[in-house]
Amino acid sequence: MDNNQNQQGQQLQIDLNPEIAKGIYTNFQIISHSSSEFVLDFISMLPGVPKPTVASRVVLAPEHAKRLLAALQENIVRYEQEFGKIQMPDQQPKTATPFGPIKNDA
């Protein structure tokens, strides 16, 4: 059996901690990057809460960020095939720089 067939026969076993399995709700995301990583901040903005908080931060290598983008695109296509087109309100795309302009002061 060649190595490729052996890898296809193996399944990845992943532990899912019960606390993580609950998930977190976020309704706003900030994405920033450097030459070596992408940083995804998932934020909860709720009525009556004066200051939004970062619920989770995920740091990815550029290659993994691109794989995540492809996986999201593929899953959105599948979702829309099953449930219909996701309706987006008419708005301009928004970007934010949470840390201000990037300076090369290292």
N, C-alpha and C. Protein backbone atom coordinates (compact mmCIF):
# COMPACT_ATOMS: atom_id res chain seq x y z
N MET A 1 0.85 -1.18 0.00
CA MET A 1 0.00 0.00 0.00
C MET A 1 0.90 1.24 0.00
N ASP A 2 0.67 2.17 -0.94
CA ASP A 2 1.52 3.35 -0.95
C ASP A 2 1.10 4.33 0.15
N ASN A 3 1.95 5.30 0.40
CA ASN A 3 1.75 6.24 1.50
C ASN A 3 0.47 7.05 1.33
N ASN A 4 0.12 7.45 0.10
CA ASN A 4 -1.07 8.23 -0.16
C ASN A 4 -2.33 7.46 0.23
N GLN A 5 -2.40 6.18 -0.13
CA GLN A 5 -3.56 5.37 0.23
C GLN A 5 -3.64 5.18 1.74
N ASN A 6 -2.50 5.01 2.39
CA ASN A 6 -2.46 4.85 3.84
C ASN A 6 -2.98 6.10 4.54
N GLN A 7 -2.61 7.29 4.04
CA GLN A 7 -3.07 8.54 4.64
C GLN A 7 -4.57 8.71 4.46
N GLN A 8 -5.12 8.29 3.32
CA GLN A 8 -6.55 8.43 3.08
C GLN A 8 -7.35 7.52 4.00
N GLY A 9 -6.80 6.39 4.40
CA GLY A 9 -7.49 5.46 5.27
C GLY A 9 -7.50 5.89 6.73
N GLN A 10 -6.64 6.83 7.09
CA GLN A 10 -6.57 7.29 8.48
C GLN A 10 -7.55 8.43 8.70
N GLN A 11 -8.18 8.44 9.88
CA GLN A 11 -9.05 9.55 10.24
C GLN A 11 -8.40 10.35 11.35
N LEU A 12 -8.58 11.64 11.30
CA LEU A 12 -8.02 12.52 12.31
C LEU A 12 -8.90 12.46 13.55
N GLN A 13 -8.31 12.15 14.68
CA GLN A 13 -9.03 12.11 15.95
C GLN A 13 -8.78 13.43 16.68
N ILE A 14 -9.85 14.16 16.97
CA ILE A 14 -9.74 15.47 17.60
C ILE A 14 -10.52 15.45 18.91
N ASP A 15 -9.89 15.91 19.98
CA ASP A 15 -10.58 16.07 21.26
C ASP A 15 -11.27 17.43 21.27
N LEU A 16 -12.52 17.46 21.69
CA LEU A 16 -13.27 18.71 21.80
C LEU A 16 -13.66 18.89 23.26
N ASN A 17 -12.96 19.80 23.92
CA ASN A 17 -13.22 20.12 25.31
C ASN A 17 -14.67 20.59 25.45
N PRO A 18 -15.42 20.12 26.45
CA PRO A 18 -16.82 20.53 26.61
C PRO A 18 -17.01 22.04 26.71
N GLU A 19 -16.06 22.73 27.31
CA GLU A 19 -16.17 24.19 27.42
C GLU A 19 -16.06 24.84 26.03
N ILE A 20 -15.15 24.34 25.22
CA ILE A 20 -14.99 24.85 23.85
C ILE A 20 -16.19 24.44 23.00
N ALA A 21 -16.73 23.26 23.24
CA ALA A 21 -17.86 22.74 22.45
C ALA A 21 -19.09 23.63 22.56
N LYS A 22 -19.22 24.38 23.65
CA LYS A 22 -20.35 25.29 23.81
C LYS A 22 -20.35 26.38 22.75
N GLY A 23 -19.17 26.74 22.29
CA GLY A 23 -19.05 27.81 21.31
C GLY A 23 -19.19 29.18 21.95
N ILE A 24 -18.94 30.21 21.16
CA ILE A 24 -19.12 31.58 21.60
C ILE A 24 -19.83 32.33 20.49
N TYR A 25 -20.61 33.33 20.87
CA TYR A 25 -21.32 34.14 19.89
C TYR A 25 -20.51 35.39 19.60
N THR A 26 -20.29 35.66 18.33
CA THR A 26 -19.67 36.92 17.93
C THR A 26 -20.45 37.47 16.75
N ASN A 27 -20.48 38.78 16.64
CA ASN A 27 -21.20 39.41 15.54
C ASN A 27 -20.37 40.50 14.86
N PHE A 28 -19.08 40.50 15.15
CA PHE A 28 -18.18 41.48 14.53
C PHE A 28 -16.79 40.87 14.52
N GLN A 29 -16.07 41.08 13.45
CA GLN A 29 -14.73 40.52 13.34
C GLN A 29 -13.77 41.60 12.85
N ILE A 30 -12.58 41.54 13.36
CA ILE A 30 -11.50 42.41 12.87
C ILE A 30 -10.37 41.49 12.42
N ILE A 31 -9.91 41.73 11.21
CA ILE A 31 -8.83 40.92 10.65
C ILE A 31 -7.66 41.84 10.35
N SER A 32 -6.50 41.47 10.86
CA SER A 32 -5.28 42.22 10.55
C SER A 32 -4.19 41.21 10.19
N HIS A 33 -3.11 41.71 9.65
CA HIS A 33 -2.05 40.79 9.23
C HIS A 33 -0.69 41.48 9.23
N SER A 34 0.32 40.65 9.29
CA SER A 34 1.70 41.07 9.08
C SER A 34 2.23 40.20 7.94
N SER A 35 3.51 40.26 7.70
CA SER A 35 4.07 39.42 6.63
C SER A 35 4.06 37.94 6.99
N SER A 36 3.93 37.63 8.28
CA SER A 36 4.04 36.23 8.69
C SER A 36 2.79 35.62 9.30
N GLU A 37 1.74 36.44 9.55
CA GLU A 37 0.55 35.88 10.19
C GLU A 37 -0.68 36.74 9.95
N PHE A 38 -1.83 36.10 10.07
CA PHE A 38 -3.12 36.77 10.06
C PHE A 38 -3.69 36.66 11.47
N VAL A 39 -4.29 37.74 11.95
CA VAL A 39 -4.90 37.75 13.28
C VAL A 39 -6.39 38.02 13.10
N LEU A 40 -7.22 37.09 13.57
CA LEU A 40 -8.67 37.22 13.49
C LEU A 40 -9.19 37.44 14.90
N ASP A 41 -9.77 38.61 15.16
CA ASP A 41 -10.39 38.90 16.44
C ASP A 41 -11.90 38.77 16.27
N PHE A 42 -12.52 37.95 17.09
CA PHE A 42 -13.96 37.73 17.07
C PHE A 42 -14.54 38.49 18.27
N ILE A 43 -15.46 39.42 17.98
CA ILE A 43 -15.92 40.39 18.97
C ILE A 43 -17.43 40.26 19.18
N SER A 44 -17.85 40.45 20.43
CA SER A 44 -19.28 40.48 20.76
C SER A 44 -19.68 41.93 21.00
N MET A 45 -20.62 42.42 20.19
CA MET A 45 -21.18 43.76 20.37
C MET A 45 -22.65 43.58 20.69
N LEU A 46 -23.02 43.83 21.94
CA LEU A 46 -24.39 43.59 22.37
C LEU A 46 -25.03 44.87 22.88
N PRO A 47 -26.35 45.03 22.67
CA PRO A 47 -27.05 46.21 23.19
C PRO A 47 -26.91 46.28 24.71
N GLY A 48 -26.74 47.49 25.21
CA GLY A 48 -26.63 47.68 26.65
C GLY A 48 -25.25 47.42 27.21
N VAL A 49 -24.35 46.93 26.38
CA VAL A 49 -22.97 46.70 26.83
C VAL A 49 -22.14 47.83 26.24
N PRO A 50 -21.60 48.71 27.09
CA PRO A 50 -20.94 49.91 26.58
C PRO A 50 -19.66 49.66 25.79
N LYS A 51 -18.95 48.58 26.10
CA LYS A 51 -17.67 48.36 25.43
C LYS A 51 -17.63 46.94 24.87
N PRO A 52 -17.54 46.80 23.54
CA PRO A 52 -17.43 45.45 22.95
C PRO A 52 -16.16 44.76 23.44
N THR A 53 -16.22 43.45 23.52
CA THR A 53 -15.06 42.69 23.99
C THR A 53 -14.65 41.65 22.95
N VAL A 54 -13.35 41.41 22.90
CA VAL A 54 -12.84 40.34 22.04
C VAL A 54 -13.14 39.03 22.74
N ALA A 55 -13.96 38.20 22.09
CA ALA A 55 -14.34 36.91 22.67
C ALA A 55 -13.28 35.85 22.38
N SER A 56 -12.60 36.00 21.24
CA SER A 56 -11.58 35.03 20.88
C SER A 56 -10.65 35.65 19.84
N ARG A 57 -9.39 35.24 19.89
CA ARG A 57 -8.41 35.67 18.90
C ARG A 57 -7.78 34.42 18.31
N VAL A 58 -7.73 34.38 16.98
CA VAL A 58 -7.12 33.25 16.28
C VAL A 58 -5.98 33.80 15.42
N VAL A 59 -4.82 33.20 15.54
CA VAL A 59 -3.64 33.61 14.77
C VAL A 59 -3.32 32.49 13.79
N LEU A 60 -3.20 32.85 12.51
CA LEU A 60 -2.98 31.87 11.44
C LEU A 60 -1.78 32.24 10.59
N ALA A 61 -1.08 31.23 10.10
CA ALA A 61 -0.08 31.45 9.06
C ALA A 61 -0.82 31.84 7.78
N PRO A 62 -0.19 32.61 6.88
CA PRO A 62 -0.86 33.02 5.66
C PRO A 62 -1.45 31.86 4.86
N GLU A 63 -0.72 30.74 4.78
CA GLU A 63 -1.23 29.59 4.03
C GLU A 63 -2.50 29.04 4.65
N HIS A 64 -2.56 29.01 5.98
CA HIS A 64 -3.75 28.51 6.66
C HIS A 64 -4.91 29.50 6.53
N ALA A 65 -4.61 30.79 6.50
CA ALA A 65 -5.65 31.79 6.28
C ALA A 65 -6.29 31.60 4.91
N LYS A 66 -5.47 31.31 3.92
CA LYS A 66 -6.00 31.09 2.57
C LYS A 66 -6.83 29.81 2.52
N ARG A 67 -6.41 28.77 3.24
CA ARG A 67 -7.20 27.53 3.31
C ARG A 67 -8.53 27.78 4.01
N LEU A 68 -8.51 28.61 5.06
CA LEU A 68 -9.75 28.96 5.76
C LEU A 68 -10.70 29.69 4.82
N LEU A 69 -10.17 30.64 4.04
CA LEU A 69 -10.98 31.36 3.07
C LEU A 69 -11.63 30.40 2.08
N ALA A 70 -10.87 29.47 1.55
CA ALA A 70 -11.41 28.49 0.59
C ALA A 70 -12.48 27.62 1.24
N ALA A 71 -12.24 27.19 2.47
CA ALA A 71 -13.22 26.35 3.17
C ALA A 71 -14.51 27.12 3.44
N LEU A 72 -14.39 28.39 3.83
CA LEU A 72 -15.59 29.21 4.05
C LEU A 72 -16.36 29.40 2.75
N GLN A 73 -15.66 29.70 1.66
CA GLN A 73 -16.33 29.88 0.38
C GLN A 73 -17.06 28.61 -0.03
N GLU A 74 -16.41 27.47 0.11
CA GLU A 74 -17.03 26.19 -0.25
C GLU A 74 -18.27 25.93 0.61
N ASN A 75 -18.18 26.20 1.89
CA ASN A 75 -19.31 25.95 2.78
C ASN A 75 -20.45 26.94 2.57
N ILE A 76 -20.16 28.17 2.20
CA ILE A 76 -21.21 29.13 1.88
C ILE A 76 -21.96 28.68 0.63
N VAL A 77 -21.25 28.18 -0.37
CA VAL A 77 -21.90 27.66 -1.57
C VAL A 77 -22.84 26.52 -1.20
N ARG A 78 -22.36 25.58 -0.39
CA ARG A 78 -23.20 24.46 0.04
C ARG A 78 -24.42 24.94 0.83
N TYR A 79 -24.21 25.88 1.74
CA TYR A 79 -25.29 26.42 2.56
C TYR A 79 -26.37 27.03 1.66
N GLU A 80 -25.93 27.87 0.70
CA GLU A 80 -26.89 28.54 -0.17
C GLU A 80 -27.61 27.57 -1.09
N GLN A 81 -26.97 26.49 -1.48
CA GLN A 81 -27.64 25.47 -2.27
C GLN A 81 -28.74 24.80 -1.46
N GLU A 82 -28.51 24.62 -0.18
CA GLU A 82 -29.49 23.94 0.67
C GLU A 82 -30.57 24.87 1.22
N PHE A 83 -30.19 26.08 1.62
CA PHE A 83 -31.12 26.96 2.33
C PHE A 83 -31.48 28.23 1.57
N GLY A 84 -30.85 28.50 0.44
CA GLY A 84 -31.12 29.72 -0.30
C GLY A 84 -30.04 30.76 -0.06
N LYS A 85 -30.06 31.77 -0.90
CA LYS A 85 -29.04 32.81 -0.87
C LYS A 85 -29.06 33.56 0.45
N ILE A 86 -27.89 33.83 0.98
CA ILE A 86 -27.75 34.64 2.19
C ILE A 86 -27.95 36.09 1.77
N GLN A 87 -28.92 36.75 2.37
CA GLN A 87 -29.22 38.14 2.04
C GLN A 87 -28.34 39.07 2.87
N MET A 88 -27.66 39.96 2.20
CA MET A 88 -26.80 40.93 2.87
C MET A 88 -27.43 42.31 2.73
N PRO A 89 -27.46 43.10 3.81
CA PRO A 89 -27.96 44.47 3.69
C PRO A 89 -27.03 45.27 2.79
N ASP A 90 -27.60 46.25 2.10
CA ASP A 90 -26.77 47.09 1.23
C ASP A 90 -25.89 47.97 2.10
N GLN A 91 -24.60 47.71 2.05
CA GLN A 91 -23.65 48.51 2.80
C GLN A 91 -22.27 48.38 2.17
N GLN A 92 -21.47 49.37 2.39
CA GLN A 92 -20.10 49.35 1.89
C GLN A 92 -19.28 48.41 2.77
N PRO A 93 -18.35 47.67 2.17
CA PRO A 93 -17.45 46.86 3.00
C PRO A 93 -16.70 47.76 3.97
N LYS A 94 -16.55 47.30 5.19
CA LYS A 94 -15.87 48.10 6.20
C LYS A 94 -14.62 47.38 6.65
N THR A 95 -13.57 48.13 6.81
CA THR A 95 -12.34 47.59 7.38
C THR A 95 -11.95 48.48 8.54
N ALA A 96 -11.28 47.92 9.49
CA ALA A 96 -10.84 48.68 10.65
C ALA A 96 -9.42 48.27 11.00
N THR A 97 -8.68 49.21 11.50
CA THR A 97 -7.34 48.93 11.98
C THR A 97 -7.37 49.11 13.49
N PRO A 98 -7.49 48.02 14.24
CA PRO A 98 -7.68 48.15 15.68
C PRO A 98 -6.48 48.72 16.43
N PHE A 99 -5.31 48.66 15.85
CA PHE A 99 -4.10 49.10 16.53
C PHE A 99 -3.55 50.39 15.94
N GLY A 100 -4.31 51.07 15.11
CA GLY A 100 -3.83 52.28 14.48
C GLY A 100 -2.93 51.96 13.31
N PRO A 101 -2.38 52.99 12.67
CA PRO A 101 -1.51 52.75 11.52
C PRO A 101 -0.29 51.93 11.93
N ILE A 102 0.15 51.07 11.04
CA ILE A 102 1.31 50.22 11.31
C ILE A 102 2.57 51.03 11.08
N LYS A 103 3.46 51.01 12.08
CA LYS A 103 4.74 51.71 11.98
C LYS A 103 5.84 50.68 12.05
N ASN A 104 6.91 50.94 11.35
CA ASN A 104 8.06 50.03 11.37
C ASN A 104 9.09 50.54 12.37
N ASP A 105 8.73 50.52 13.66
CA ASP A 105 9.61 51.03 14.71
C ASP A 105 10.32 49.92 15.47
N ALA A 106 10.34 48.72 14.97
CA ALA A 106 10.89 47.58 15.73
C ALA A 106 12.33 47.70 16.07
